[in-house]
Amino acid sequence: MSKLNIEAIHQENKKQDAFDFRAGDTVTVNVKIMEKTADGKMKSRIQPFKGVVIQRKGTGVSTSVTVRKISGGIGVERIFQIHSPLIDSIVTDIHGSVRRARIFYMRNLQGKAARITERRVRAAAEAATAVETATVAEPT
């Protein structure tokens, strides 16, 4: 009985957005920040955090992602819970081509050595049109 309740809570808190990014991709995570103003009122704003995905970990509601960026010559890493209510959105900027799921070796690289080549991704619509044109072009 309690397992059903836990699964119901997980489904309730799970975001329906499809997060299609993996290690090596450059993403912008928009985080909701709560600030206190001078009059004592709470004010929220969106703060973007743009960096390279180092790893993606977990399944379901407990999925987390580690994002690394260089700020002022110092590497900064943040771990985000993907389904947290504090995450406004996650936008994939560049799809990177790497051979590993966890790219911790990026911590030791600097400058040009830390570059990641861009992976070319065909959109589903382009793929569908390519299949349609191929079937039309075939003589029957």
C-alpha atoms as a PDB file:
ATOM      1  CA  MET A   1       0.000   0.000   0.000  1.00  0.00           C
ATOM      2  CA  SER A   2       2.745   2.490   0.907  1.00  0.00           C
ATOM      3  CA  LYS A   3       4.614   1.671  -2.299  1.00  0.00           C
ATOM      4  CA  LEU A   4       1.576   2.783  -4.315  1.00  0.00           C
ATOM      5  CA  ASN A   5       1.460   6.036  -2.366  1.00  0.00           C
ATOM      6  CA  ILE A   6       5.145   6.697  -3.042  1.00  0.00           C
ATOM      7  CA  GLU A   7       4.703   6.030  -6.759  1.00  0.00           C
ATOM      8  CA  ALA A   8       1.693   8.369  -6.832  1.00  0.00           C
ATOM      9  CA  ILE A   9       3.761  11.120  -5.194  1.00  0.00           C
ATOM     10  CA  HIS A  10       6.575  10.537  -7.694  1.00  0.00           C
ATOM     11  CA  GLN A  11       4.194  10.804 -10.655  1.00  0.00           C
ATOM     12  CA  GLU A  12       2.653  13.941  -9.156  1.00  0.00           C
ATOM     13  CA  ASN A  13       6.041  15.695  -8.815  1.00  0.00           C
ATOM     14  CA  LYS A  14       7.537  14.492 -12.097  1.00  0.00           C
ATOM     15  CA  LYS A  15       7.820  17.117 -14.842  1.00  0.00           C
ATOM     16  CA  GLN A  16       6.287  16.160 -18.169  1.00  0.00           C
ATOM     17  CA  ASP A  17       8.955  17.959 -20.219  1.00  0.00           C
ATOM     18  CA  ALA A  18      11.195  15.691 -22.270  1.00  0.00           C
ATOM     19  CA  PHE A  19      14.799  16.481 -21.335  1.00  0.00           C
ATOM     20  CA  ASP A  20      16.783  15.291 -24.336  1.00  0.00           C
ATOM     21  CA  PHE A  21      20.374  16.059 -23.388  1.00  0.00           C
ATOM     22  CA  ARG A  22      23.328  13.937 -22.331  1.00  0.00           C
ATOM     23  CA  ALA A  23      26.938  14.273 -21.227  1.00  0.00           C
ATOM     24  CA  GLY A  24      28.914  16.689 -23.389  1.00  0.00           C
ATOM     25  CA  ASP A  25      25.945  18.873 -24.283  1.00  0.00           C
ATOM     26  CA  THR A  26      26.000  22.576 -23.458  1.00  0.00           C
ATOM     27  CA  VAL A  27      22.809  23.467 -21.601  1.00  0.00           C
ATOM     28  CA  THR A  28      21.289  26.508 -19.928  1.00  0.00           C
ATOM     29  CA  VAL A  29      19.531  25.681 -16.663  1.00  0.00           C
ATOM     30  CA  ASN A  30      17.118  28.423 -15.626  1.00  0.00           C
ATOM     31  CA  VAL A  31      16.889  28.365 -11.824  1.00  0.00           C
ATOM     32  CA  LYS A  32      14.300  30.195  -9.717  1.00  0.00           C
ATOM     33  CA  ILE A  33      16.029  32.299  -7.049  1.00  0.00           C
ATOM     34  CA  MET A  34      14.121  33.720  -4.058  1.00  0.00           C
ATOM     35  CA  GLU A  35      15.457  37.057  -2.753  1.00  0.00           C
ATOM     36  CA  LYS A  36      14.435  39.267   0.115  1.00  0.00           C
ATOM     37  CA  THR A  37      13.952  42.935  -0.764  1.00  0.00           C
ATOM     38  CA  ALA A  38      14.717  45.892   1.498  1.00  0.00           C
ATOM     39  CA  ASP A  39      11.069  46.014   2.705  1.00  0.00           C
ATOM     40  CA  GLY A  40      11.259  42.350   3.768  1.00  0.00           C
ATOM     41  CA  LYS A  41       9.140  40.999   0.905  1.00  0.00           C
ATOM     42  CA  MET A  42      10.192  37.906  -1.037  1.00  0.00           C
ATOM     43  CA  LYS A  43      10.876  38.344  -4.730  1.00  0.00           C
ATOM     44  CA  SER A  44      11.672  35.591  -7.218  1.00  0.00           C
ATOM     45  CA  ARG A  45      13.730  35.841 -10.376  1.00  0.00           C
ATOM     46  CA  ILE A  46      15.170  33.449 -12.946  1.00  0.00           C
ATOM     47  CA  GLN A  47      18.954  32.985 -12.983  1.00  0.00           C
ATOM     48  CA  PRO A  48      20.494  31.122 -15.939  1.00  0.00           C
ATOM     49  CA  PHE A  49      23.419  28.735 -15.399  1.00  0.00           C
ATOM     50  CA  LYS A  50      25.080  27.814 -18.711  1.00  0.00           C
ATOM     51  CA  GLY A  51      27.644  25.037 -18.877  1.00  0.00           C
ATOM     52  CA  VAL A  52      28.602  21.555 -20.059  1.00  0.00           C
ATOM     53  CA  VAL A  53      26.794  18.487 -18.723  1.00  0.00           C
ATOM     54  CA  ILE A  54      29.381  16.377 -16.890  1.00  0.00           C
ATOM     55  CA  GLN A  55      27.042  13.569 -15.888  1.00  0.00           C
ATOM     56  CA  ARG A  56      23.401  12.579 -15.686  1.00  0.00           C
ATOM     57  CA  LYS A  57      22.487  10.359 -12.780  1.00  0.00           C
ATOM     58  CA  GLY A  58      19.457   8.516 -11.407  1.00  0.00           C
ATOM     59  CA  THR A  59      16.033   7.613 -12.734  1.00  0.00           C
ATOM     60  CA  GLY A  60      12.513   8.883 -12.278  1.00  0.00           C
ATOM     61  CA  VAL A  61      11.958  11.816  -9.936  1.00  0.00           C
ATOM     62  CA  SER A  62      15.437  11.527  -8.430  1.00  0.00           C
ATOM     63  CA  THR A  63      17.241  12.250 -11.710  1.00  0.00           C
ATOM     64  CA  SER A  64      20.057  14.750 -11.284  1.00  0.00           C
ATOM     65  CA  VAL A  65      22.475  16.427 -13.647  1.00  0.00           C
ATOM     66  CA  THR A  66      25.907  17.946 -12.976  1.00  0.00           C
ATOM     67  CA  VAL A  67      26.705  21.063 -15.021  1.00  0.00           C
ATOM     68  CA  ARG A  68      30.183  22.632 -15.164  1.00  0.00           C
ATOM     69  CA  LYS A  69      31.171  26.098 -16.346  1.00  0.00           C
ATOM     70  CA  ILE A  70      34.249  28.300 -16.124  1.00  0.00           C
ATOM     71  CA  SER A  71      33.581  31.567 -14.304  1.00  0.00           C
ATOM     72  CA  GLY A  72      36.424  34.020 -13.865  1.00  0.00           C
ATOM     73  CA  GLY A  73      39.005  31.353 -14.690  1.00  0.00           C
ATOM     74  CA  ILE A  74      37.675  29.020 -11.972  1.00  0.00           C
ATOM     75  CA  GLY A  75      35.622  25.900 -12.668  1.00  0.00           C
ATOM     76  CA  VAL A  76      32.174  25.913 -11.064  1.00  0.00           C
ATOM     77  CA  GLU A  77      30.003  22.794 -10.878  1.00  0.00           C
ATOM     78  CA  ARG A  78      26.393  22.617  -9.758  1.00  0.00           C
ATOM     79  CA  ILE A  79      24.203  19.582  -9.275  1.00  0.00           C
ATOM     80  CA  PHE A  80      20.562  20.088 -10.233  1.00  0.00           C
ATOM     81  CA  GLN A  81      17.582  17.854  -9.497  1.00  0.00           C
ATOM     82  CA  ILE A  82      15.809  17.835 -12.854  1.00  0.00           C
ATOM     83  CA  HIS A  83      12.284  17.502 -11.429  1.00  0.00           C
ATOM     84  CA  SER A  84      12.778  20.116  -8.690  1.00  0.00           C
ATOM     85  CA  PRO A  85      10.216  22.939  -8.567  1.00  0.00           C
ATOM     86  CA  LEU A  86      13.175  25.377  -8.446  1.00  0.00           C
ATOM     87  CA  ILE A  87      14.174  24.445 -12.012  1.00  0.00           C
ATOM     88  CA  ASP A  88      12.220  26.604 -14.445  1.00  0.00           C
ATOM     89  CA  SER A  89      13.562  25.087 -17.658  1.00  0.00           C
ATOM     90  CA  ILE A  90      16.551  23.328 -19.190  1.00  0.00           C
ATOM     91  CA  VAL A  91      17.475  24.387 -22.718  1.00  0.00           C
ATOM     92  CA  THR A  92      19.989  22.466 -24.846  1.00  0.00           C
ATOM     93  CA  ASP A  93      22.211  24.956 -26.681  1.00  0.00           C
ATOM     94  CA  ILE A  94      24.796  22.690 -28.342  1.00  0.00           C
ATOM     95  CA  HIS A  95      24.844  18.904 -28.687  1.00  0.00           C
ATOM     96  CA  GLY A  96      28.390  17.762 -27.903  1.00  0.00           C
ATOM     97  CA  SER A  97      30.099  14.629 -29.191  1.00  0.00           C
ATOM     98  CA  VAL A  98      31.825  12.646 -26.417  1.00  0.00           C
ATOM     99  CA  ARG A  99      32.478   8.932 -25.998  1.00  0.00           C
ATOM    100  CA  ARG A 100      31.712   8.614 -22.284  1.00  0.00           C
ATOM    101  CA  ALA A 101      28.645   9.038 -20.107  1.00  0.00           C
ATOM    102  CA  ARG A 102      30.616  10.733 -17.312  1.00  0.00           C
ATOM    103  CA  ILE A 103      33.241  13.174 -18.522  1.00  0.00           C
ATOM    104  CA  PHE A 104      35.075  13.953 -15.284  1.00  0.00           C
ATOM    105  CA  TYR A 105      38.326  14.266 -17.262  1.00  0.00           C
ATOM    106  CA  MET A 106      37.109  17.750 -18.288  1.00  0.00           C
ATOM    107  CA  ARG A 107      38.102  18.961 -14.801  1.00  0.00           C
ATOM    108  CA  ASN A 108      41.778  18.555 -15.697  1.00  0.00           C
ATOM    109  CA  LEU A 109      41.616  20.199 -19.143  1.00  0.00           C
ATOM    110  CA  GLN A 110      42.117  23.887 -19.906  1.00  0.00           C
ATOM    111  CA  GLY A 111      41.750  26.151 -22.929  1.00  0.00           C
ATOM    112  CA  LYS A 112      41.574  24.543 -26.357  1.00  0.00           C
ATOM    113  CA  ALA A 113      42.007  21.055 -24.889  1.00  0.00           C
ATOM    114  CA  ALA A 114      38.657  21.439 -23.117  1.00  0.00           C
ATOM    115  CA  ARG A 115      36.715  21.997 -26.348  1.00  0.00           C
ATOM    116  CA  ILE A 116      34.012  19.506 -27.286  1.00  0.00           C
ATOM    117  CA  THR A 117      33.139  18.962 -30.944  1.00  0.00           C
ATOM    118  CA  GLU A 118      29.536  19.527 -31.945  1.00  0.00           C
ATOM    119  CA  ARG A 119      27.362  16.499 -32.704  1.00  0.00           C
ATOM    120  CA  ARG A 120      25.038  16.917 -35.664  1.00  0.00           C
ATOM    121  CA  VAL A 121      21.441  16.064 -34.841  1.00  0.00           C
ATOM    122  CA  ARG A 122      18.763  15.633 -37.463  1.00  0.00           C
ATOM    123  CA  ALA A 123      15.331  16.743 -36.429  1.00  0.00           C
ATOM    124  CA  ALA A 124      12.535  14.178 -36.449  1.00  0.00           C
ATOM    125  CA  ALA A 125      10.642  16.238 -39.037  1.00  0.00           C
ATOM    126  CA  GLU A 126      13.607  16.232 -41.419  1.00  0.00           C
ATOM    127  CA  ALA A 127      13.973  12.485 -41.019  1.00  0.00           C
ATOM    128  CA  ALA A 128      10.256  11.953 -41.727  1.00  0.00           C
ATOM    129  CA  THR A 129      10.427  14.055 -44.891  1.00  0.00           C
ATOM    130  CA  ALA A 130      13.503  12.163 -46.053  1.00  0.00           C
ATOM    131  CA  VAL A 131      11.640   8.858 -45.649  1.00  0.00           C
ATOM    132  CA  GLU A 132       8.583  10.204 -47.497  1.00  0.00           C
ATOM    133  CA  THR A 133      10.626  11.494 -50.434  1.00  0.00           C
ATOM    134  CA  ALA A 134      12.511   8.191 -50.645  1.00  0.00           C
ATOM    135  CA  THR A 135       9.277   6.199 -50.819  1.00  0.00           C
ATOM    136  CA  VAL A 136       7.773   8.562 -53.436  1.00  0.00           C
ATOM    137  CA  ALA A 137      10.906   8.411 -55.600  1.00  0.00           C
ATOM    138  CA  GLU A 138      10.837   4.587 -55.784  1.00  0.00           C
ATOM    139  CA  PRO A 139       9.226   3.216 -58.951  1.00  0.00           C
ATOM    140  CA  THR A 140       6.396   0.766 -58.242  1.00  0.00           C
END
